[in-house]
Amino acid sequence: MAQDLTVRNLTAELRMAEKETIGGVPVTEEQITAWAAEAEAGYDVQALKKRGRGRPGRGAEPSQVIALRLTPEELAALDARAASEGGACWRPSCSSSTAGTNS
């Protein structure tokens, strides 16, 4: 008898695990049918939310990604120049006088 209850419990758990969920809430067949009918009816493309493609551009033209290698001395000079112009040091290894300051 105990064996039979265990099998029944496992079967019920397996059935529950097979159901799809959204945020942990099971999706019903009625919801799926309604979503399918909505999709088959079509969507107004103009009414759909437009999404951007990643981070906004810095200018009118696309930016170019470049690789740059600097020596520690060049980095220190760059940090000093940024600090003198009111910029912030973004690197963890910057001196504490310029690290974390923003203008």
PDB file of N, CA and C in Angstrom:
ATOM      1  N   MET A   1       0.821  -1.203   0.000  1.00  0.00           N
ATOM      2  CA  MET A   1       0.000   0.000   0.000  1.00  0.00           C
ATOM      3  C   MET A   1       0.863   1.265   0.000  1.00  0.00           C
ATOM      4  N   ALA A   2       1.909   1.285   0.848  1.00  0.00           N
ATOM      5  CA  ALA A   2       2.806   2.443   0.891  1.00  0.00           C
ATOM      6  C   ALA A   2       3.507   2.620  -0.451  1.00  0.00           C
ATOM      7  N   GLN A   3       3.868   1.518  -1.073  1.00  0.00           N
ATOM      8  CA  GLN A   3       4.508   1.554  -2.398  1.00  0.00           C
ATOM      9  C   GLN A   3       3.561   2.195  -3.411  1.00  0.00           C
ATOM     10  N   ASP A   4       2.281   1.843  -3.346  1.00  0.00           N
ATOM     11  CA  ASP A   4       1.278   2.359  -4.267  1.00  0.00           C
ATOM     12  C   ASP A   4       1.126   3.874  -4.109  1.00  0.00           C
ATOM     13  N   LEU A   5       1.133   4.384  -2.865  1.00  0.00           N
ATOM     14  CA  LEU A   5       1.031   5.825  -2.620  1.00  0.00           C
ATOM     15  C   LEU A   5       2.239   6.555  -3.187  1.00  0.00           C
ATOM     16  N   THR A   6       3.413   5.977  -3.020  1.00  0.00           N
ATOM     17  CA  THR A   6       4.630   6.598  -3.541  1.00  0.00           C
ATOM     18  C   THR A   6       4.570   6.701  -5.057  1.00  0.00           C
ATOM     19  N   VAL A   7       4.126   5.650  -5.714  1.00  0.00           N
ATOM     20  CA  VAL A   7       4.008   5.666  -7.169  1.00  0.00           C
ATOM     21  C   VAL A   7       2.998   6.714  -7.606  1.00  0.00           C
ATOM     22  N   ARG A   8       1.869   6.800  -6.913  1.00  0.00           N
ATOM     23  CA  ARG A   8       0.852   7.805  -7.241  1.00  0.00           C
ATOM     24  C   ARG A   8       1.395   9.218  -7.053  1.00  0.00           C
ATOM     25  N   ASN A   9       2.112   9.440  -5.943  1.00  0.00           N
ATOM     26  CA  ASN A   9       2.685  10.765  -5.691  1.00  0.00           C
ATOM     27  C   ASN A   9       3.698  11.143  -6.774  1.00  0.00           C
ATOM     28  N   LEU A  10       4.548  10.194  -7.137  1.00  0.00           N
ATOM     29  CA  LEU A  10       5.535  10.472  -8.177  1.00  0.00           C
ATOM     30  C   LEU A  10       4.869  10.745  -9.516  1.00  0.00           C
ATOM     31  N   THR A  11       3.830   9.999  -9.827  1.00  0.00           N
ATOM     32  CA  THR A  11       3.116  10.207 -11.081  1.00  0.00           C
ATOM     33  C   THR A  11       2.490  11.596 -11.112  1.00  0.00           C
ATOM     34  N   ALA A  12       1.885  12.011 -10.013  1.00  0.00           N
ATOM     35  CA  ALA A  12       1.284  13.347  -9.937  1.00  0.00           C
ATOM     36  C   ALA A  12       2.356  14.425 -10.068  1.00  0.00           C
ATOM     37  N   GLU A  13       3.497  14.230  -9.418  1.00  0.00           N
ATOM     38  CA  GLU A  13       4.580  15.208  -9.509  1.00  0.00           C
ATOM     39  C   GLU A  13       5.118  15.298 -10.930  1.00  0.00           C
ATOM     40  N   LEU A  14       5.239  14.171 -11.605  1.00  0.00           N
ATOM     41  CA  LEU A  14       5.714  14.184 -12.984  1.00  0.00           C
ATOM     42  C   LEU A  14       4.740  14.919 -13.892  1.00  0.00           C
ATOM     43  N   ARG A  15       3.448  14.700 -13.692  1.00  0.00           N
ATOM     44  CA  ARG A  15       2.448  15.401 -14.487  1.00  0.00           C
ATOM     45  C   ARG A  15       2.537  16.903 -14.261  1.00  0.00           C
ATOM     46  N   MET A  16       2.743  17.317 -13.021  1.00  0.00           N
ATOM     47  CA  MET A  16       2.856  18.741 -12.714  1.00  0.00           C
ATOM     48  C   MET A  16       4.128  19.329 -13.316  1.00  0.00           C
ATOM     49  N   ALA A  17       5.211  18.555 -13.306  1.00  0.00           N
ATOM     50  CA  ALA A  17       6.486  19.044 -13.836  1.00  0.00           C
ATOM     51  C   ALA A  17       6.434  19.230 -15.342  1.00  0.00           C
ATOM     52  N   GLU A  18       5.572  18.487 -16.028  1.00  0.00           N
ATOM     53  CA  GLU A  18       5.470  18.581 -17.477  1.00  0.00           C
ATOM     54  C   GLU A  18       4.750  19.847 -17.921  1.00  0.00           C
ATOM     55  N   LYS A  19       3.990  20.489 -17.053  1.00  0.00           N
ATOM     56  CA  LYS A  19       3.244  21.681 -17.411  1.00  0.00           C
ATOM     57  C   LYS A  19       4.188  22.873 -17.531  1.00  0.00           C
ATOM     58  N   GLU A  20       3.915  23.708 -18.526  1.00  0.00           N
ATOM     59  CA  GLU A  20       4.691  24.927 -18.713  1.00  0.00           C
ATOM     60  C   GLU A  20       4.240  25.969 -17.700  1.00  0.00           C
ATOM     61  N   THR A  21       5.158  26.829 -17.302  1.00  0.00           N
ATOM     62  CA  THR A  21       4.825  27.895 -16.366  1.00  0.00           C
ATOM     63  C   THR A  21       5.388  29.214 -16.866  1.00  0.00           C
ATOM     64  N   ILE A  22       4.795  30.286 -16.417  1.00  0.00           N
ATOM     65  CA  ILE A  22       5.313  31.633 -16.627  1.00  0.00           C
ATOM     66  C   ILE A  22       5.428  32.248 -15.249  1.00  0.00           C
ATOM     67  N   GLY A  23       6.639  32.488 -14.824  1.00  0.00           N
ATOM     68  CA  GLY A  23       6.855  33.029 -13.484  1.00  0.00           C
ATOM     69  C   GLY A  23       6.372  32.087 -12.404  1.00  0.00           C
ATOM     70  N   GLY A  24       6.422  30.794 -12.672  1.00  0.00           N
ATOM     71  CA  GLY A  24       6.002  29.805 -11.690  1.00  0.00           C
ATOM     72  C   GLY A  24       4.515  29.512 -11.695  1.00  0.00           C
ATOM     73  N   VAL A  25       3.745  30.253 -12.498  1.00  0.00           N
ATOM     74  CA  VAL A  25       2.299  30.038 -12.586  1.00  0.00           C
ATOM     75  C   VAL A  25       2.022  29.136 -13.787  1.00  0.00           C
ATOM     76  N   PRO A  26       1.329  28.013 -13.588  1.00  0.00           N
ATOM     77  CA  PRO A  26       1.060  27.104 -14.708  1.00  0.00           C
ATOM     78  C   PRO A  26       0.253  27.781 -15.815  1.00  0.00           C
ATOM     79  N   VAL A  27       0.608  27.459 -17.057  1.00  0.00           N
ATOM     80  CA  VAL A  27      -0.104  27.975 -18.222  1.00  0.00           C
ATOM     81  C   VAL A  27      -1.199  26.979 -18.572  1.00  0.00           C
ATOM     82  N   THR A  28      -2.417  27.481 -18.737  1.00  0.00           N
ATOM     83  CA  THR A  28      -3.550  26.598 -19.032  1.00  0.00           C
ATOM     84  C   THR A  28      -3.717  26.433 -20.543  1.00  0.00           C
ATOM     85  N   GLU A  29      -4.424  25.390 -20.908  1.00  0.00           N
ATOM     86  CA  GLU A  29      -4.731  25.159 -22.322  1.00  0.00           C
ATOM     87  C   GLU A  29      -5.559  26.315 -22.883  1.00  0.00           C
ATOM     88  N   GLU A  30      -6.440  26.893 -22.055  1.00  0.00           N
ATOM     89  CA  GLU A  30      -7.266  28.020 -22.496  1.00  0.00           C
ATOM     90  C   GLU A  30      -6.391  29.216 -22.856  1.00  0.00           C
ATOM     91  N   GLN A  31      -5.352  29.479 -22.040  1.00  0.00           N
ATOM     92  CA  GLN A  31      -4.450  30.591 -22.338  1.00  0.00           C
ATOM     93  C   GLN A  31      -3.710  30.352 -23.652  1.00  0.00           C
ATOM     94  N   ILE A  32      -3.238  29.133 -23.840  1.00  0.00           N
ATOM     95  CA  ILE A  32      -2.510  28.806 -25.068  1.00  0.00           C
ATOM     96  C   ILE A  32      -3.415  28.977 -26.279  1.00  0.00           C
ATOM     97  N   THR A  33      -4.663  28.521 -26.171  1.00  0.00           N
ATOM     98  CA  THR A  33      -5.624  28.657 -27.264  1.00  0.00           C
ATOM     99  C   THR A  33      -5.892  30.129 -27.570  1.00  0.00           C
ATOM    100  N   ALA A  34      -6.054  30.939 -26.524  1.00  0.00           N
ATOM    101  CA  ALA A  34      -6.303  32.371 -26.716  1.00  0.00           C
ATOM    102  C   ALA A  34      -5.101  33.051 -27.369  1.00  0.00           C
ATOM    103  N   TRP A  35      -3.898  32.711 -26.941  1.00  0.00           N
ATOM    104  CA  TRP A  35      -2.691  33.297 -27.526  1.00  0.00           C
ATOM    105  C   TRP A  35      -2.542  32.891 -28.986  1.00  0.00           C
ATOM    106  N   ALA A  36      -2.846  31.640 -29.289  1.00  0.00           N
ATOM    107  CA  ALA A  36      -2.753  31.168 -30.672  1.00  0.00           C
ATOM    108  C   ALA A  36      -3.758  31.905 -31.553  1.00  0.00           C
ATOM    109  N   ALA A  37      -4.985  32.083 -31.063  1.00  0.00           N
ATOM    110  CA  ALA A  37      -6.011  32.800 -31.829  1.00  0.00           C
ATOM    111  C   ALA A  37      -5.582  34.246 -32.066  1.00  0.00           C
ATOM    112  N   GLU A  38      -5.013  34.869 -31.054  1.00  0.00           N
ATOM    113  CA  GLU A  38      -4.533  36.251 -31.179  1.00  0.00           C
ATOM    114  C   GLU A  38      -3.433  36.344 -32.240  1.00  0.00           C
ATOM    115  N   ALA A  39      -2.501  35.398 -32.210  1.00  0.00           N
ATOM    116  CA  ALA A  39      -1.399  35.401 -33.175  1.00  0.00           C
ATOM    117  C   ALA A  39      -1.904  35.143 -34.586  1.00  0.00           C
ATOM    118  N   GLU A  40      -2.852  34.230 -34.731  1.00  0.00           N
ATOM    119  CA  GLU A  40      -3.393  33.911 -36.050  1.00  0.00           C
ATOM    120  C   GLU A  40      -4.179  35.078 -36.627  1.00  0.00           C
ATOM    121  N   ALA A  41      -4.813  35.879 -35.761  1.00  0.00           N
ATOM    122  CA  ALA A  41      -5.561  37.044 -36.224  1.00  0.00           C
ATOM    123  C   ALA A  41      -4.614  38.119 -36.745  1.00  0.00           C
ATOM    124  N   GLY A  42      -3.370  38.092 -36.298  1.00  0.00           N
ATOM    125  CA  GLY A  42      -2.373  39.060 -36.755  1.00  0.00           C
ATOM    126  C   GLY A  42      -2.221  40.211 -35.780  1.00  0.00           C
ATOM    127  N   TYR A  43      -1.074  40.865 -35.894  1.00  0.00           N
ATOM    128  CA  TYR A  43      -0.769  42.004 -35.031  1.00  0.00           C
ATOM    129  C   TYR A  43      -0.591  43.251 -35.886  1.00  0.00           C
ATOM    130  N   ASP A  44      -0.942  44.393 -35.322  1.00  0.00           N
ATOM    131  CA  ASP A  44      -0.694  45.670 -35.972  1.00  0.00           C
ATOM    132  C   ASP A  44       0.771  46.021 -35.718  1.00  0.00           C
ATOM    133  N   VAL A  45       1.586  45.921 -36.747  1.00  0.00           N
ATOM    134  CA  VAL A  45       3.024  46.121 -36.594  1.00  0.00           C
ATOM    135  C   VAL A  45       3.327  47.525 -36.069  1.00  0.00           C
ATOM    136  N   GLN A  46       2.564  48.517 -36.480  1.00  0.00           N
ATOM    137  CA  GLN A  46       2.794  49.890 -36.031  1.00  0.00           C
ATOM    138  C   GLN A  46       2.520  50.057 -34.538  1.00  0.00           C
ATOM    139  N   ALA A  47       1.642  49.213 -33.994  1.00  0.00           N
ATOM    140  CA  ALA A  47       1.279  49.325 -32.581  1.00  0.00           C
ATOM    141  C   ALA A  47       2.259  48.589 -31.669  1.00  0.00           C
ATOM    142  N   LEU A  48       3.074  47.708 -32.245  1.00  0.00           N
ATOM    143  CA  LEU A  48       4.025  46.966 -31.420  1.00  0.00           C
ATOM    144  C   LEU A  48       5.098  47.902 -30.881  1.00  0.00           C
ATOM    145  N   LYS A  49       5.585  47.593 -29.704  1.00  0.00           N
ATOM    146  CA  LYS A  49       6.616  48.407 -29.071  1.00  0.00           C
ATOM    147  C   LYS A  49       7.926  48.258 -29.840  1.00  0.00           C
ATOM    148  N   LYS A  50       8.504  49.385 -30.213  1.00  0.00           N
ATOM    149  CA  LYS A  50       9.781  49.345 -30.916  1.00  0.00           C
ATOM    150  C   LYS A  50      10.898  49.313 -29.891  1.00  0.00           C
ATOM    151  N   ARG A  51      11.860  48.472 -30.135  1.00  0.00           N
ATOM    152  CA  ARG A  51      12.986  48.339 -29.218  1.00  0.00           C
ATOM    153  C   ARG A  51      14.257  48.779 -29.927  1.00  0.00           C
ATOM    154  N   GLY A  52      15.120  49.429 -29.171  1.00  0.00           N
ATOM    155  CA  GLY A  52      16.407  49.839 -29.713  1.00  0.00           C
ATOM    156  C   GLY A  52      17.344  48.655 -29.843  1.00  0.00           C
ATOM    157  N   ARG A  53      18.431  48.881 -30.503  1.00  0.00           N
ATOM    158  CA  ARG A  53      19.418  47.822 -30.689  1.00  0.00           C
ATOM    159  C   ARG A  53      20.623  48.118 -29.817  1.00  0.00           C
ATOM    160  N   GLY A  54      20.568  47.711 -28.575  1.00  0.00           N
ATOM    161  CA  GLY A  54      21.719  47.865 -27.685  1.00  0.00           C
ATOM    162  C   GLY A  54      21.883  49.277 -27.155  1.00  0.00           C
ATOM    163  N   ARG A  55      23.098  49.569 -26.786  1.00  0.00           N
ATOM    164  CA  ARG A  55      23.428  50.864 -26.195  1.00  0.00           C
ATOM    165  C   ARG A  55      23.235  51.980 -27.222  1.00  0.00           C
ATOM    166  N   PRO A  56      22.701  53.139 -26.807  1.00  0.00           N
ATOM    167  CA  PRO A  56      22.516  54.251 -27.744  1.00  0.00           C
ATOM    168  C   PRO A  56      23.857  54.725 -28.302  1.00  0.00           C
ATOM    169  N   GLY A  57      23.839  55.190 -29.538  1.00  0.00           N
ATOM    170  CA  GLY A  57      25.052  55.694 -30.166  1.00  0.00           C
ATOM    171  C   GLY A  57      25.526  56.990 -29.533  1.00  0.00           C
ATOM    172  N   ARG A  58      26.796  57.292 -29.747  1.00  0.00           N
ATOM    173  CA  ARG A  58      27.382  58.519 -29.206  1.00  0.00           C
ATOM    174  C   ARG A  58      27.277  59.664 -30.193  1.00  0.00           C
ATOM    175  N   GLY A  59      26.915  59.384 -31.404  1.00  0.00           N
ATOM    176  CA  GLY A  59      26.805  60.417 -32.424  1.00  0.00           C
ATOM    177  C   GLY A  59      25.913  59.945 -33.549  1.00  0.00           C
ATOM    178  N   ALA A  60      25.918  60.718 -34.639  1.00  0.00           N
ATOM    179  CA  ALA A  60      25.069  60.379 -35.774  1.00  0.00           C
ATOM    180  C   ALA A  60      25.592  59.164 -36.531  1.00  0.00           C
ATOM    181  N   GLU A  61      26.893  58.984 -36.537  1.00  0.00           N
ATOM    182  CA  GLU A  61      27.517  57.870 -37.249  1.00  0.00           C
ATOM    183  C   GLU A  61      27.825  56.732 -36.285  1.00  0.00           C
ATOM    184  N   PRO A  62      27.897  55.502 -36.783  1.00  0.00           N
ATOM    185  CA  PRO A  62      28.266  54.385 -35.909  1.00  0.00           C
ATOM    186  C   PRO A  62      29.687  54.561 -35.373  1.00  0.00           C
ATOM    187  N   SER A  63      29.888  54.173 -34.135  1.00  0.00           N
ATOM    188  CA  SER A  63      31.217  54.250 -33.530  1.00  0.00           C
ATOM    189  C   SER A  63      32.038  53.041 -33.950  1.00  0.00           C
ATOM    190  N   GLN A  64      33.354  53.231 -33.962  1.00  0.00           N
ATOM    191  CA  GLN A  64      34.257  52.144 -34.310  1.00  0.00           C
ATOM    192  C   GLN A  64      34.936  51.650 -33.042  1.00  0.00           C
ATOM    193  N   VAL A  65      34.988  50.342 -32.870  1.00  0.00           N
ATOM    194  CA  VAL A  65      35.644  49.738 -31.715  1.00  0.00           C
ATOM    195  C   VAL A  65      37.108  49.530 -32.065  1.00  0.00           C
ATOM    196  N   ILE A  66      37.991  49.982 -31.166  1.00  0.00           N
ATOM    197  CA  ILE A  66      39.420  49.797 -31.392  1.00  0.00           C
ATOM    198  C   ILE A  66      40.050  49.174 -30.158  1.00  0.00           C
ATOM    199  N   ALA A  67      41.143  48.443 -30.366  1.00  0.00           N
ATOM    200  CA  ALA A  67      41.912  47.885 -29.250  1.00  0.00           C
ATOM    201  C   ALA A  67      43.083  48.824 -28.990  1.00  0.00           C
ATOM    202  N   LEU A  68      43.353  49.092 -27.731  1.00  0.00           N
ATOM    203  CA  LEU A  68      44.408  50.031 -27.369  1.00  0.00           C
ATOM    204  C   LEU A  68      45.196  49.460 -26.206  1.00  0.00           C
ATOM    205  N   ARG A  69      46.501  49.420 -26.351  1.00  0.00           N
ATOM    206  CA  ARG A  69      47.368  48.944 -25.271  1.00  0.00           C
ATOM    207  C   ARG A  69      48.207  50.115 -24.789  1.00  0.00           C
ATOM    208  N   LEU A  70      48.190  50.325 -23.476  1.00  0.00           N
ATOM    209  CA  LEU A  70      48.956  51.414 -22.880  1.00  0.00           C
ATOM    210  C   LEU A  70      49.864  50.875 -21.788  1.00  0.00           C
ATOM    211  N   THR A  71      51.017  51.514 -21.648  1.00  0.00           N
ATOM    212  CA  THR A  71      51.924  51.157 -20.560  1.00  0.00           C
ATOM    213  C   THR A  71      51.371  51.751 -19.271  1.00  0.00           C
ATOM    214  N   PRO A  72      51.858  51.289 -18.117  1.00  0.00           N
ATOM    215  CA  PRO A  72      51.414  51.896 -16.854  1.00  0.00           C
ATOM    216  C   PRO A  72      51.678  53.398 -16.803  1.00  0.00           C
ATOM    217  N   GLU A  73      52.787  53.840 -17.377  1.00  0.00           N
ATOM    218  CA  GLU A  73      53.102  55.274 -17.387  1.00  0.00           C
ATOM    219  C   GLU A  73      52.107  56.047 -18.251  1.00  0.00           C
ATOM    220  N   GLU A  74      51.742  55.477 -19.398  1.00  0.00           N
ATOM    221  CA  GLU A  74      50.762  56.134 -20.264  1.00  0.00           C
ATOM    222  C   GLU A  74      49.395  56.203 -19.588  1.00  0.00           C
ATOM    223  N   LEU A  75      49.020  55.139 -18.893  1.00  0.00           N
ATOM    224  CA  LEU A  75      47.745  55.151 -18.158  1.00  0.00           C
ATOM    225  C   LEU A  75      47.750  56.206 -17.065  1.00  0.00           C
ATOM    226  N   ALA A  76      48.873  56.323 -16.349  1.00  0.00           N
ATOM    227  CA  ALA A  76      48.969  57.326 -15.282  1.00  0.00           C
ATOM    228  C   ALA A  76      48.844  58.728 -15.867  1.00  0.00           C
ATOM    229  N   ALA A  77      49.489  58.969 -17.000  1.00  0.00           N
ATOM    230  CA  ALA A  77      49.397  60.281 -17.641  1.00  0.00           C
ATOM    231  C   ALA A  77      47.971  60.558 -18.108  1.00  0.00           C
ATOM    232  N   LEU A  78      47.319  59.543 -18.643  1.00  0.00           N
ATOM    233  CA  LEU A  78      45.933  59.691 -19.088  1.00  0.00           C
ATOM    234  C   LEU A  78      45.001  59.983 -17.912  1.00  0.00           C
ATOM    235  N   ASP A  79      45.202  59.273 -16.801  1.00  0.00           N
ATOM    236  CA  ASP A  79      44.396  59.515 -15.598  1.00  0.00           C
ATOM    237  C   ASP A  79      44.621  60.924 -15.064  1.00  0.00           C
ATOM    238  N   ALA A  80      45.888  61.382 -15.075  1.00  0.00           N
ATOM    239  CA  ALA A  80      46.199  62.728 -14.586  1.00  0.00           C
ATOM    240  C   ALA A  80      45.533  63.775 -15.469  1.00  0.00           C
ATOM    241  N   ARG A  81      45.567  63.565 -16.770  1.00  0.00           N
ATOM    242  CA  ARG A  81      44.932  64.506 -17.695  1.00  0.00           C
ATOM    243  C   ARG A  81      43.426  64.539 -17.467  1.00  0.00           C
ATOM    244  N   ALA A  82      42.818  63.367 -17.313  1.00  0.00           N
ATOM    245  CA  ALA A  82      41.370  63.311 -17.070  1.00  0.00           C
ATOM    246  C   ALA A  82      41.018  64.019 -15.771  1.00  0.00           C
ATOM    247  N   ALA A  83      41.821  63.809 -14.730  1.00  0.00           N
ATOM    248  CA  ALA A  83      41.552  64.459 -13.444  1.00  0.00           C
ATOM    249  C   ALA A  83      41.692  65.970 -13.561  1.00  0.00           C
ATOM    250  N   SER A  84      42.685  66.445 -14.330  1.00  0.00           N
ATOM    251  CA  SER A  84      42.884  67.890 -14.476  1.00  0.00           C
ATOM    252  C   SER A  84      41.748  68.538 -15.257  1.00  0.00           C
ATOM    253  N   GLU A  85      41.063  67.745 -16.079  1.00  0.00           N
ATOM    254  CA  GLU A  85      39.938  68.265 -16.858  1.00  0.00           C
ATOM    255  C   GLU A  85      38.595  67.950 -16.205  1.00  0.00           C
ATOM    256  N   GLY A  86      38.635  67.474 -14.955  1.00  0.00           N
ATOM    257  CA  GLY A  86      37.404  67.207 -14.221  1.00  0.00           C
ATOM    258  C   GLY A  86      36.800  65.850 -14.495  1.00  0.00           C
ATOM    259  N   GLY A  87      37.543  64.960 -15.114  1.00  0.00           N
ATOM    260  CA  GLY A  87      37.043  63.623 -15.420  1.00  0.00           C
ATOM    261  C   GLY A  87      37.217  62.679 -14.247  1.00  0.00           C
ATOM    262  N   ALA A  88      36.631  61.524 -14.356  1.00  0.00           N
ATOM    263  CA  ALA A  88      36.699  60.524 -13.290  1.00  0.00           C
ATOM    264  C   ALA A  88      37.590  59.372 -13.717  1.00  0.00           C
ATOM    265  N   CYS A  89      38.270  58.798 -12.756  1.00  0.00           N
ATOM    266  CA  CYS A  89      39.059  57.603 -13.004  1.00  0.00           C
ATOM    267  C   CYS A  89      38.133  56.409 -12.874  1.00  0.00           C
ATOM    268  N   TRP A  90      38.108  55.564 -13.880  1.00  0.00           N
ATOM    269  CA  TRP A  90      37.186  54.428 -13.898  1.00  0.00           C
ATOM    270  C   TRP A  90      37.852  53.119 -13.542  1.00  0.00           C
ATOM    271  N   ARG A  91      39.181  53.135 -13.402  1.00  0.00           N
ATOM    272  CA  ARG A  91      39.898  51.894 -13.121  1.00  0.00           C
ATOM    273  C   ARG A  91      40.063  51.692 -11.624  1.00  0.00           C
ATOM    274  N   PRO A  92      39.963  50.452 -11.129  1.00  0.00           N
ATOM    275  CA  PRO A  92      40.147  50.186  -9.698  1.00  0.00           C
ATOM    276  C   PRO A  92      41.548  50.528  -9.209  1.00  0.00           C
ATOM    277  N   SER A  93      42.543  50.507 -10.105  1.00  0.00           N
ATOM    278  CA  SER A  93      43.920  50.753  -9.684  1.00  0.00           C
ATOM    279  C   SER A  93      44.285  52.229  -9.654  1.00  0.00           C
ATOM    280  N   CYS A  94      43.336  53.119  -9.904  1.00  0.00           N
ATOM    281  CA  CYS A  94      43.624  54.553  -9.864  1.00  0.00           C
ATOM    282  C   CYS A  94      43.931  54.990  -8.442  1.00  0.00           C
ATOM    283  N   SER A  95      44.608  56.116  -8.345  1.00  0.00           N
ATOM    284  CA  SER A  95      44.879  56.646  -7.004  1.00  0.00           C
ATOM    285  C   SER A  95      43.566  57.064  -6.369  1.00  0.00           C
ATOM    286  N   SER A  96      43.510  57.037  -5.061  1.00  0.00           N
ATOM    287  CA  SER A  96      42.257  57.324  -4.351  1.00  0.00           C
ATOM    288  C   SER A  96      41.806  58.761  -4.541  1.00  0.00           C
ATOM    289  N   SER A  97      42.712  59.663  -4.956  1.00  0.00           N
ATOM    290  CA  SER A  97      42.316  61.058  -5.128  1.00  0.00           C
ATOM    291  C   SER A  97      41.423  61.261  -6.346  1.00  0.00           C
ATOM    292  N   THR A  98      41.538  60.369  -7.355  1.00  0.00           N
ATOM    293  CA  THR A  98      40.689  60.521  -8.539  1.00  0.00           C
ATOM    294  C   THR A  98      39.688  59.396  -8.688  1.00  0.00           C
ATOM    295  N   ALA A  99      39.858  58.310  -7.946  1.00  0.00           N
ATOM    296  CA  ALA A  99      38.981  57.147  -8.109  1.00  0.00           C
ATOM    297  C   ALA A  99      37.574  57.455  -7.647  1.00  0.00           C
ATOM    298  N   GLY A 100      36.633  57.105  -8.499  1.00  0.00           N
ATOM    299  CA  GLY A 100      35.230  57.194  -8.114  1.00  0.00           C
ATOM    300  C   GLY A 100      34.640  58.576  -8.155  1.00  0.00           C
ATOM    301  N   THR A 101      35.403  59.581  -8.643  1.00  0.00           N
ATOM    302  CA  THR A 101      34.846  60.924  -8.718  1.00  0.00           C
ATOM    303  C   THR A 101      34.199  61.116 -10.068  1.00  0.00           C
ATOM    304  N   ASN A 102      33.076  61.723 -10.083  1.00  0.00           N
ATOM    305  CA  ASN A 102      32.370  62.035 -11.324  1.00  0.00           C
ATOM    306  C   ASN A 102      32.052  63.503 -11.349  1.00  0.00           C
ATOM    307  N   SER A 103      32.057  64.077 -12.552  1.00  0.00           N
ATOM    308  CA  SER A 103      31.648  65.469 -12.658  1.00  0.00           C
ATOM    309  C   SER A 103      30.474  65.598 -13.571  1.00  0.00           C
TER     310      SER A 103
END
